[in-house]
Amino acid sequence: MNTNNLGRIIKERRKAKNLTLKRLADMSGVHLAHLGRIERGERFPSAHVLRVLAEPLGFAEIDLFKLAGFLSRDESVDRLDKLKKEIKRELDDTLGNLHKKIDSL
């Protein structure tokens, strides 16, 4: 991911959380000017900065690391998501059939 996209994402999330740059700086301990440079795409945050920004911005650390390009999206995550959906669908079908059988008693 390029710096501008990550900065834009951080800025959008900050605004969605109704946080000012000053408030985010206070919450994270990252200098206000540095945050501004990150949002404008002039600087790229380190792993440490991403870690301290994650909680106030409502991100999981791993998601910010992936957005920054420090980690790649693992195919096993995609497979796990697909498996969860399949299991949920099977459980919904099974419970629906069980309810029908109980109602017919």
C-alpha atoms as a PDB file:
ATOM      1  CA  MET A   1       0.000   0.000   0.000  1.00  0.00           C
ATOM      2  CA  ASN A   2       1.320   3.446  -0.686  1.00  0.00           C
ATOM      3  CA  THR A   3       1.684   6.059   2.014  1.00  0.00           C
ATOM      4  CA  ASN A   4      -1.155   8.228   0.702  1.00  0.00           C
ATOM      5  CA  ASN A   5      -3.724   5.449   0.902  1.00  0.00           C
ATOM      6  CA  LEU A   6      -2.780   4.461   4.433  1.00  0.00           C
ATOM      7  CA  GLY A   7      -2.803   8.082   5.563  1.00  0.00           C
ATOM      8  CA  ARG A   8      -6.201   8.581   3.948  1.00  0.00           C
ATOM      9  CA  ILE A   9      -7.579   5.478   5.679  1.00  0.00           C
ATOM     10  CA  ILE A  10      -6.259   6.641   9.039  1.00  0.00           C
ATOM     11  CA  LYS A  11      -7.730  10.111   8.530  1.00  0.00           C
ATOM     12  CA  GLU A  12     -11.117   8.722   7.476  1.00  0.00           C
ATOM     13  CA  ARG A  13     -11.235   6.416  10.497  1.00  0.00           C
ATOM     14  CA  ARG A  14     -10.206   9.234  12.837  1.00  0.00           C
ATOM     15  CA  LYS A  15     -12.981  11.444  11.508  1.00  0.00           C
ATOM     16  CA  ALA A  16     -15.510   8.592  11.654  1.00  0.00           C
ATOM     17  CA  LYS A  17     -14.621   8.211  15.336  1.00  0.00           C
ATOM     18  CA  ASN A  18     -15.115  11.981  15.784  1.00  0.00           C
ATOM     19  CA  LEU A  19     -11.530  12.418  16.930  1.00  0.00           C
ATOM     20  CA  THR A  20      -9.475  15.530  16.334  1.00  0.00           C
ATOM     21  CA  LEU A  21      -5.798  15.143  15.522  1.00  0.00           C
ATOM     22  CA  LYS A  22      -5.039  16.559  18.968  1.00  0.00           C
ATOM     23  CA  ARG A  23      -7.302  14.031  20.702  1.00  0.00           C
ATOM     24  CA  LEU A  24      -5.766  11.134  18.734  1.00  0.00           C
ATOM     25  CA  ALA A  25      -2.295  12.424  19.598  1.00  0.00           C
ATOM     26  CA  ASP A  26      -3.231  12.541  23.287  1.00  0.00           C
ATOM     27  CA  MET A  27      -4.753   9.045  23.192  1.00  0.00           C
ATOM     28  CA  SER A  28      -1.886   7.430  21.296  1.00  0.00           C
ATOM     29  CA  GLY A  29       1.157   9.379  22.445  1.00  0.00           C
ATOM     30  CA  VAL A  30       2.100  10.082  18.818  1.00  0.00           C
ATOM     31  CA  HIS A  31       3.098  13.715  18.219  1.00  0.00           C
ATOM     32  CA  LEU A  32       0.376  15.815  16.607  1.00  0.00           C
ATOM     33  CA  ALA A  33       2.645  17.004  13.785  1.00  0.00           C
ATOM     34  CA  HIS A  34       3.699  13.432  12.994  1.00  0.00           C
ATOM     35  CA  LEU A  35       0.058  12.325  12.799  1.00  0.00           C
ATOM     36  CA  GLY A  36      -0.670  15.183  10.404  1.00  0.00           C
ATOM     37  CA  ARG A  37       2.229  14.150   8.177  1.00  0.00           C
ATOM     38  CA  ILE A  38       1.020  10.536   8.165  1.00  0.00           C
ATOM     39  CA  GLU A  39      -2.501  11.590   7.192  1.00  0.00           C
ATOM     40  CA  ARG A  40      -1.170  13.822   4.410  1.00  0.00           C
ATOM     41  CA  GLY A  41       0.998  10.971   3.101  1.00  0.00           C
ATOM     42  CA  GLU A  42       4.249  12.763   3.872  1.00  0.00           C
ATOM     43  CA  ARG A  43       5.421  10.127   6.369  1.00  0.00           C
ATOM     44  CA  PHE A  44       4.868   6.408   6.722  1.00  0.00           C
ATOM     45  CA  PRO A  45       4.120   5.127  10.232  1.00  0.00           C
ATOM     46  CA  SER A  46       6.372   2.616  11.916  1.00  0.00           C
ATOM     47  CA  ALA A  47       5.019  -0.623  13.366  1.00  0.00           C
ATOM     48  CA  HIS A  48       5.154   0.988  16.813  1.00  0.00           C
ATOM     49  CA  VAL A  49       3.053   3.950  15.675  1.00  0.00           C
ATOM     50  CA  LEU A  50       0.524   1.635  14.034  1.00  0.00           C
ATOM     51  CA  ARG A  51       0.339  -0.396  17.244  1.00  0.00           C
ATOM     52  CA  VAL A  52      -0.489   2.645  19.395  1.00  0.00           C
ATOM     53  CA  LEU A  53      -2.963   4.032  16.835  1.00  0.00           C
ATOM     54  CA  ALA A  54      -4.885   0.780  16.491  1.00  0.00           C
ATOM     55  CA  GLU A  55      -6.966   0.936  19.660  1.00  0.00           C
ATOM     56  CA  PRO A  56      -8.062   4.593  19.520  1.00  0.00           C
ATOM     57  CA  LEU A  57      -8.953   4.180  15.846  1.00  0.00           C
ATOM     58  CA  GLY A  58     -10.831   0.936  16.467  1.00  0.00           C
ATOM     59  CA  PHE A  59      -8.549  -1.270  14.379  1.00  0.00           C
ATOM     60  CA  ALA A  60      -7.059  -4.612  15.296  1.00  0.00           C
ATOM     61  CA  GLU A  61      -3.279  -4.213  15.197  1.00  0.00           C
ATOM     62  CA  ILE A  62      -2.985  -6.972  12.621  1.00  0.00           C
ATOM     63  CA  ASP A  63      -5.421  -5.181  10.303  1.00  0.00           C
ATOM     64  CA  LEU A  64      -3.364  -1.989  10.389  1.00  0.00           C
ATOM     65  CA  PHE A  65      -0.198  -4.001   9.746  1.00  0.00           C
ATOM     66  CA  LYS A  66      -1.870  -5.571   6.713  1.00  0.00           C
ATOM     67  CA  LEU A  67      -3.062  -2.178   5.450  1.00  0.00           C
ATOM     68  CA  ALA A  68       0.485  -0.858   5.825  1.00  0.00           C
ATOM     69  CA  GLY A  69       1.899  -3.806   3.900  1.00  0.00           C
ATOM     70  CA  PHE A  70       3.865  -5.178   6.863  1.00  0.00           C
ATOM     71  CA  LEU A  71       1.822  -8.390   6.662  1.00  0.00           C
ATOM     72  CA  SER A  72       0.191 -10.008   3.685  1.00  0.00           C
ATOM     73  CA  ARG A  73      -3.362 -11.270   3.711  1.00  0.00           C
ATOM     74  CA  ASP A  74      -3.101 -14.948   4.556  1.00  0.00           C
ATOM     75  CA  GLU A  75      -5.075 -17.275   2.299  1.00  0.00           C
ATOM     76  CA  SER A  76      -5.900 -19.364   5.356  1.00  0.00           C
ATOM     77  CA  VAL A  77      -7.859 -16.394   6.716  1.00  0.00           C
ATOM     78  CA  ASP A  78      -9.988 -16.427   3.577  1.00  0.00           C
ATOM     79  CA  ARG A  79     -10.492 -20.182   3.879  1.00  0.00           C
ATOM     80  CA  LEU A  80     -11.404 -19.849   7.538  1.00  0.00           C
ATOM     81  CA  ASP A  81     -13.960 -17.137   6.765  1.00  0.00           C
ATOM     82  CA  LYS A  82     -15.498 -19.342   4.084  1.00  0.00           C
ATOM     83  CA  LEU A  83     -15.621 -22.315   6.475  1.00  0.00           C
ATOM     84  CA  LYS A  84     -17.310 -20.201   9.170  1.00  0.00           C
ATOM     85  CA  LYS A  85     -19.989 -19.121   6.693  1.00  0.00           C
ATOM     86  CA  GLU A  86     -20.580 -22.709   5.582  1.00  0.00           C
ATOM     87  CA  ILE A  87     -20.877 -23.937   9.182  1.00  0.00           C
ATOM     88  CA  LYS A  88     -23.275 -21.121  10.053  1.00  0.00           C
ATOM     89  CA  ARG A  89     -25.442 -21.940   7.021  1.00  0.00           C
ATOM     90  CA  GLU A  90     -25.504 -25.639   7.980  1.00  0.00           C
ATOM     91  CA  LEU A  91     -26.425 -24.803  11.580  1.00  0.00           C
ATOM     92  CA  ASP A  92     -29.192 -22.464  10.438  1.00  0.00           C
ATOM     93  CA  ASP A  93     -30.604 -25.191   8.172  1.00  0.00           C
ATOM     94  CA  THR A  94     -30.371 -27.829  10.908  1.00  0.00           C
ATOM     95  CA  LEU A  95     -32.037 -25.599  13.491  1.00  0.00           C
ATOM     96  CA  GLY A  96     -34.757 -24.659  11.008  1.00  0.00           C
ATOM     97  CA  ASN A  97     -35.484 -28.343  10.349  1.00  0.00           C
ATOM     98  CA  LEU A  98     -35.483 -29.085  14.064  1.00  0.00           C
ATOM     99  CA  HIS A  99     -37.993 -26.310  14.717  1.00  0.00           C
ATOM    100  CA  LYS A 100     -40.258 -27.720  11.992  1.00  0.00           C
ATOM    101  CA  LYS A 101     -40.114 -31.202  13.547  1.00  0.00           C
ATOM    102  CA  ILE A 102     -40.887 -29.830  17.011  1.00  0.00           C
ATOM    103  CA  ASP A 103     -43.804 -27.785  15.679  1.00  0.00           C
ATOM    104  CA  SER A 104     -45.243 -30.871  13.968  1.00  0.00           C
ATOM    105  CA  LEU A 105     -45.358 -32.863  17.231  1.00  0.00           C
END
